Protein backbone atom coordinates (compact mmCIF):
# COMPACT_ATOMS: atom_id res chain seq x y z
CA UNK A 1 0.00 0.00 0.00
CA UNK A 2 2.80 2.42 0.89
CA UNK A 3 4.58 1.62 -2.35
CA UNK A 4 1.42 2.18 -4.40
CA UNK A 5 1.00 5.61 -2.81
CA UNK A 6 4.66 6.42 -3.44
CA UNK A 7 4.43 5.41 -7.10
CA UNK A 8 1.33 7.54 -7.54
CA UNK A 9 3.13 10.44 -5.87
CA UNK A 10 6.30 10.49 -7.97
CA UNK A 11 4.37 10.76 -11.26
CA UNK A 12 2.47 13.87 -10.18
CA UNK A 13 2.88 17.20 -11.96
CA UNK A 14 5.73 19.58 -11.15
CA UNK A 15 3.23 21.98 -9.58
CA UNK A 16 1.92 19.27 -7.25
CA UNK A 17 5.43 18.18 -6.26
CA UNK A 18 6.60 21.71 -5.47
CA UNK A 19 3.36 22.40 -3.59
CA UNK A 20 3.98 19.28 -1.51
CA UNK A 21 7.55 20.48 -0.94
CA UNK A 22 6.23 23.83 0.33
CA UNK A 23 3.72 22.21 2.69
CA UNK A 24 6.36 19.87 4.10
CA UNK A 25 8.67 22.86 4.50
CA UNK A 26 5.95 24.59 6.52
CA UNK A 27 5.73 21.54 8.77
CA UNK A 28 9.49 21.70 9.30
CA UNK A 29 9.26 25.43 9.94
CA UNK A 30 6.50 24.93 12.50
CA UNK A 31 8.63 22.36 14.33
CA UNK A 32 11.57 24.75 14.23
CA UNK A 33 9.40 27.48 15.74
CA UNK A 34 8.58 25.19 18.67
CA UNK A 35 12.17 24.24 19.48
CA UNK A 36 14.16 27.29 18.38
CA UNK A 37 15.59 29.57 21.06
CA UNK A 38 18.14 31.44 18.94
CA UNK A 39 18.49 35.22 19.19
CA UNK A 40 20.89 35.94 16.32
CA UNK A 41 20.55 38.56 13.58
CA UNK A 42 21.05 38.24 9.84
CA UNK A 43 21.32 40.95 7.22
CA UNK A 44 19.84 40.83 3.74
CA UNK A 45 22.72 39.43 1.69
CA UNK A 46 23.55 36.41 3.89
CA UNK A 47 19.83 35.69 4.16
CA UNK A 48 19.55 35.63 0.36
CA UNK A 49 22.47 33.21 0.13
CA UNK A 50 20.94 31.01 2.82
CA UNK A 51 17.66 30.88 0.91
CA UNK A 52 19.50 29.99 -2.29
CA UNK A 53 21.29 27.09 -0.58
CA UNK A 54 18.01 25.77 0.84
CA UNK A 55 16.35 25.94 -2.59
CA UNK A 56 19.37 24.18 -4.08
CA UNK A 57 19.18 21.35 -1.54
CA UNK A 58 15.42 20.99 -2.05
CA UNK A 59 15.97 20.78 -5.82
CA UNK A 60 18.73 18.18 -5.53
CA UNK A 61 16.57 16.06 -3.26
CA UNK A 62 14.28 15.47 -6.25
CA UNK A 63 16.81 12.83 -7.28
CA UNK A 64 15.27 10.65 -4.56
CA UNK A 65 12.03 10.52 -6.58
CA UNK A 66 13.63 9.06 -9.71
CA UNK A 67 12.38 5.47 -10.06
CA UNK A 68 14.44 2.42 -10.91
CA UNK A 69 13.50 -1.13 -11.79
CA UNK A 70 15.04 -2.34 -8.52
CA UNK A 71 13.05 0.02 -6.28
CA UNK A 72 9.77 -0.45 -8.16
CA UNK A 73 9.97 -4.24 -8.25
CA UNK A 74 11.42 -4.40 -4.74
CA UNK A 75 8.64 -2.26 -3.27
CA UNK A 76 11.04 0.29 -1.76
CA UNK A 77 9.98 3.43 -3.64
CA UNK A 78 8.19 4.63 -0.49
CA UNK A 79 11.50 4.67 1.41
CA UNK A 80 12.97 7.18 -1.04
CA UNK A 81 9.78 9.27 -1.02
CA UNK A 82 9.93 9.34 2.78
CA UNK A 83 13.57 10.51 2.62
CA UNK A 84 12.56 13.22 0.17
CA UNK A 85 9.78 14.34 2.51
CA UNK A 86 12.22 14.51 5.43
CA UNK A 87 14.60 16.59 3.29
CA UNK A 88 11.82 19.10 2.54
CA UNK A 89 10.91 19.34 6.21
CA UNK A 90 14.58 19.87 7.10
CA UNK A 91 14.79 22.68 4.57
CA UNK A 92 11.77 24.30 6.19
CA UNK A 93 13.34 23.84 9.62
CA UNK A 94 16.47 25.76 8.69
CA UNK A 95 14.57 28.33 6.63
CA UNK A 96 12.58 29.27 9.72
CA UNK A 97 15.77 29.80 11.69
CA UNK A 98 17.17 32.05 8.98
CA UNK A 99 13.88 33.94 8.69
CA UNK A 100 13.74 34.55 12.44
CA UNK A 101 17.24 36.05 12.39
CA UNK A 102 16.33 38.20 9.38
CA UNK A 103 13.10 39.36 11.00
CA UNK A 104 14.90 40.34 14.19
CA UNK A 105 17.47 42.26 12.17
CA UNK A 106 14.76 44.13 10.25
CA UNK A 107 12.06 44.63 12.89
CA UNK A 108 13.52 43.73 16.27
CA UNK A 109 11.30 40.64 16.63
CA UNK A 110 10.85 37.26 14.93
CA UNK A 111 7.16 37.58 14.05
CA UNK A 112 7.82 38.35 10.37
CA UNK A 113 9.58 34.97 9.91
CA UNK A 114 6.32 33.46 8.66
CA UNK A 115 6.65 35.62 5.53
CA UNK A 116 9.51 33.35 4.38
CA UNK A 117 6.97 30.58 3.62
CA UNK A 118 4.62 32.68 1.48
CA UNK A 119 5.63 32.51 -2.22
CA UNK A 120 6.45 35.88 -3.83
CA UNK A 121 5.78 37.78 -0.61
CA UNK A 122 8.86 36.06 0.85
CA UNK A 123 11.00 38.38 -1.28
CA UNK A 124 10.14 41.15 1.17
CA UNK A 125 12.40 39.68 3.87
CA UNK A 126 15.26 39.72 1.38
CA UNK A 127 14.69 43.37 0.55
CA UNK A 128 13.75 45.11 3.79
CA UNK A 129 16.83 46.90 5.24
CA UNK A 130 18.28 46.35 8.69
CA UNK A 131 17.09 48.61 11.49
CA UNK A 132 20.64 49.75 12.19
CA UNK A 133 22.11 49.41 8.72
CA UNK A 134 25.32 51.40 8.32
CA UNK A 135 25.71 53.12 4.97
CA UNK A 136 28.64 51.66 3.05
CA UNK A 137 30.17 54.21 0.69
CA UNK A 138 32.40 51.70 -1.09
CA UNK A 139 31.53 50.61 -4.67
CA UNK A 140 29.01 47.73 -4.55
CA UNK A 141 31.50 45.22 -6.00
CA UNK A 142 33.79 45.78 -3.04
CA UNK A 143 31.15 45.04 -0.43
CA UNK A 144 30.83 41.67 1.28
CA UNK A 145 27.10 41.72 0.63
CA UNK A 146 27.75 41.74 -3.11
CA UNK A 147 29.80 38.55 -2.73
CA UNK A 148 26.92 36.90 -0.86
CA UNK A 149 24.40 37.92 -3.51
CA UNK A 150 26.66 36.79 -6.35
CA UNK A 151 27.20 33.44 -4.63
CA UNK A 152 23.46 33.10 -4.08
CA UNK A 153 22.69 33.76 -7.73
CA UNK A 154 25.29 31.16 -8.69
CA UNK A 155 23.73 28.58 -6.37
CA UNK A 156 20.26 29.31 -7.77
CA UNK A 157 21.61 28.94 -11.30
CA UNK A 158 23.14 25.56 -10.49
CA UNK A 159 19.89 24.54 -8.82
CA UNK A 160 17.91 25.40 -11.94
CA UNK A 161 20.39 23.47 -14.10
CA UNK A 162 20.30 20.47 -11.76
CA UNK A 163 16.50 20.46 -11.74
CA UNK A 164 16.42 20.29 -15.54
CA UNK A 165 18.88 17.40 -15.55
CA UNK A 166 16.88 15.52 -12.92
CA UNK A 167 13.69 15.93 -14.95
CA UNK A 168 15.48 14.51 -17.99
CA UNK A 169 16.82 11.63 -15.92
CA UNK A 170 13.33 10.86 -14.62
CA UNK A 171 11.97 10.66 -18.16
CA UNK A 172 14.77 8.34 -19.22
CA UNK A 173 14.19 6.07 -16.22
CA UNK A 174 10.41 6.06 -16.55
CA UNK A 175 10.10 5.75 -20.33
CA UNK A 176 13.28 4.58 -22.02
CA UNK A 177 14.41 2.23 -19.24
CA UNK A 178 10.85 1.14 -18.44
CA UNK A 179 11.19 1.45 -14.66
CA UNK A 180 7.49 2.28 -14.31
CA UNK A 181 4.50 0.14 -15.34
CA UNK A 182 2.83 1.33 -18.53
CA UNK A 183 -0.15 2.90 -16.76
CA UNK A 184 2.08 4.95 -14.45
CA UNK A 185 4.29 5.91 -17.37
CA UNK A 186 1.23 7.27 -19.18
CA UNK A 187 0.01 9.00 -16.02
CA UNK A 188 3.41 10.65 -15.68
CA UNK A 189 3.26 11.91 -19.27
CA UNK A 190 -0.28 13.20 -18.86
CA UNK A 191 0.64 15.01 -15.63
CA UNK A 192 3.81 16.53 -17.07
CA UNK A 193 2.91 17.26 -20.68
CA UNK A 194 -0.89 17.11 -20.87
CA UNK A 195 -3.16 14.72 -22.76
CA UNK A 196 -2.62 15.99 -26.31
CA UNK A 197 1.19 15.79 -26.13
CA UNK A 198 0.92 12.35 -24.54
CA UNK A 199 -1.23 11.07 -27.40
CA UNK A 200 1.18 12.62 -29.88
CA UNK A 201 4.01 10.84 -28.09
CA UNK A 202 2.21 7.51 -28.49
CA UNK A 203 2.12 7.93 -32.25
CA UNK A 204 5.94 7.77 -32.29
CA UNK A 205 6.40 4.74 -30.04
CA UNK A 206 4.91 1.84 -31.99
CA UNK A 207 6.63 0.20 -34.93
CA UNK A 208 4.07 -0.48 -37.63
CA UNK A 209 2.63 -2.71 -38.87
CA UNK A 210 2.16 -4.63 -35.61
CA UNK A 211 0.36 -7.96 -35.35
CA UNK A 212 -2.03 -7.98 -32.40
CA UNK A 213 -3.20 -11.58 -32.72
CA UNK A 214 -3.96 -14.15 -35.39
CA UNK A 215 -6.80 -12.05 -36.79
CA UNK A 216 -5.76 -8.42 -36.31
CA UNK A 217 -2.92 -6.25 -37.61
CA UNK A 218 -2.46 -2.62 -36.52
CA UNK A 219 -1.30 -0.78 -39.64
CA UNK A 220 -1.62 2.89 -38.64
CA UNK A 221 -2.51 5.27 -35.80
CA UNK A 222 -2.83 9.01 -35.29
CA UNK A 223 -3.53 11.64 -32.66
CA UNK A 224 -5.82 14.60 -33.22
CA UNK A 225 -6.46 16.78 -30.19
CA UNK A 226 -7.80 14.55 -27.45
CA UNK A 227 -8.63 11.72 -29.87
CA UNK A 228 -6.35 8.75 -30.44
CA UNK A 229 -7.20 6.60 -33.46
CA UNK A 230 -5.97 3.13 -34.37
CA UNK A 231 -6.52 1.45 -37.74
CA UNK A 232 -6.65 -2.33 -38.00
CA UNK A 233 -6.84 -4.89 -40.77
CA UNK A 234 -8.85 -8.01 -40.02
CA UNK A 235 -6.36 -10.53 -41.39
CA UNK A 236 -8.77 -13.45 -41.53
CA UNK A 237 -11.33 -14.81 -43.95
CA UNK A 238 -14.10 -14.65 -41.37
CA UNK A 239 -14.39 -13.57 -37.77
CA UNK A 240 -15.22 -16.21 -35.15
CA UNK A 241 -18.90 -17.01 -34.86
CA UNK A 242 -20.69 -14.71 -32.43
CA UNK A 243 -17.72 -12.31 -32.31
CA UNK A 244 -19.05 -8.87 -31.32
CA UNK A 245 -16.44 -6.43 -32.62
CA UNK A 246 -17.83 -3.32 -30.94
CA UNK A 247 -18.48 -5.06 -27.65
CA UNK A 248 -15.07 -6.73 -27.51
CA UNK A 249 -13.25 -3.46 -28.25
CA UNK A 250 -15.09 -1.55 -25.52
CA UNK A 251 -14.53 -4.33 -23.02
CA UNK A 252 -10.82 -4.50 -23.82
CA UNK A 253 -10.23 -0.74 -23.66
CA UNK A 254 -12.20 -0.35 -20.43
CA UNK A 255 -10.11 -3.08 -18.79
CA UNK A 256 -6.66 -1.96 -19.94
CA UNK A 257 -4.89 0.03 -17.21
CA UNK A 258 -3.00 2.21 -19.68
CA UNK A 259 -6.15 3.04 -21.64
CA UNK A 260 -7.98 3.81 -18.39
CA UNK A 261 -5.39 6.52 -17.64
CA UNK A 262 -6.01 8.12 -21.03
CA UNK A 263 -9.78 7.83 -20.75
CA UNK A 264 -9.82 9.43 -17.30
CA UNK A 265 -7.73 12.28 -18.68
CA UNK A 266 -10.47 12.94 -21.24
CA UNK A 267 -9.25 10.97 -24.25
CA UNK A 268 -11.50 9.55 -26.94
CA UNK A 269 -10.11 6.20 -28.10
CA UNK A 270 -11.19 5.23 -31.59
CA UNK A 271 -10.51 1.99 -33.43
CA UNK A 272 -11.37 1.47 -37.10
CA UNK A 273 -11.39 -1.99 -38.70
CA UNK A 274 -10.95 -2.86 -42.37
CA UNK A 275 -11.03 -6.04 -44.40
CA UNK A 276 -8.01 -7.30 -46.32
CA UNK A 277 -9.16 -5.50 -49.45
CA UNK A 278 -9.64 -2.19 -47.61
CA UNK A 279 -13.39 -2.24 -47.11
CA UNK A 280 -14.43 -0.59 -43.81
CA UNK A 281 -15.97 -3.04 -41.36
CA UNK A 282 -16.59 -1.12 -38.15
CA UNK A 283 -15.51 1.99 -36.23
CA UNK A 284 -15.68 2.05 -32.45
CA UNK A 285 -15.19 5.10 -30.19
CA UNK A 286 -14.84 4.74 -26.44
CA UNK A 287 -14.91 7.48 -23.78
CA UNK A 288 -14.63 7.49 -20.01
CA UNK A 289 -18.43 7.54 -19.71
CA UNK A 290 -18.68 4.35 -21.76
CA UNK A 291 -16.46 2.63 -19.20
CA UNK A 292 -18.19 4.13 -16.19
CA UNK A 293 -15.06 6.07 -15.16
């Protein structure tokens, strides 16, 4: 059960993952607020660098969510998800401590530390000046604060680069290496790229023609918007007696885990059947409603 939840979690959209990271960070921050007794101060530039390092660590921890055949088959994906969750909470723990020091430096109290956990508004703590800030007349490139800011920007840049590489690595592991089951692979693509791009992706994955069974050959397929069409040739003189083409197609699509993912995402799955000489036999379209999803 834990592994099923973990597998469902790692294929969620980037927005959902970063939202989960923020909520876990808040939990860590709340715990830090309960146990912290520090009274230090922190000016703007070191606070910016500290935030950059925390973001960098949170980004690198995404590597824990990359699946592998060993962890999926061994049922240990949940262990890595739990480690990722602990890493997010730890980031929130230390962010709170930094924010308290920054708040005390700017306002004389730690009450503004909560601002650090509110996206966009958190920039305020990086910008508000110290209460007793001494004017530095030196050129900005000679100030220690400039070094902190430059280092912070560098760390953020590396974090952005690392995040892109981790996303690429996840796709390789999930799709090219086949670490995930087909239904989770499709769910991952739908969550990351949307339904239309996922259907377009499917049109480039199958080598055609492909024999399905003794009677059917898939000779073409296409994606158009949210519709995915497959074209089959009935490679037999006659179909088995009592064979209900429309009924068997609907039953098969509604039972296939990969197709269920597409149907739930709003796809229309169409299959068209032709005789050996090209005469149309039947066209079947299936939606989520047809399967009771």
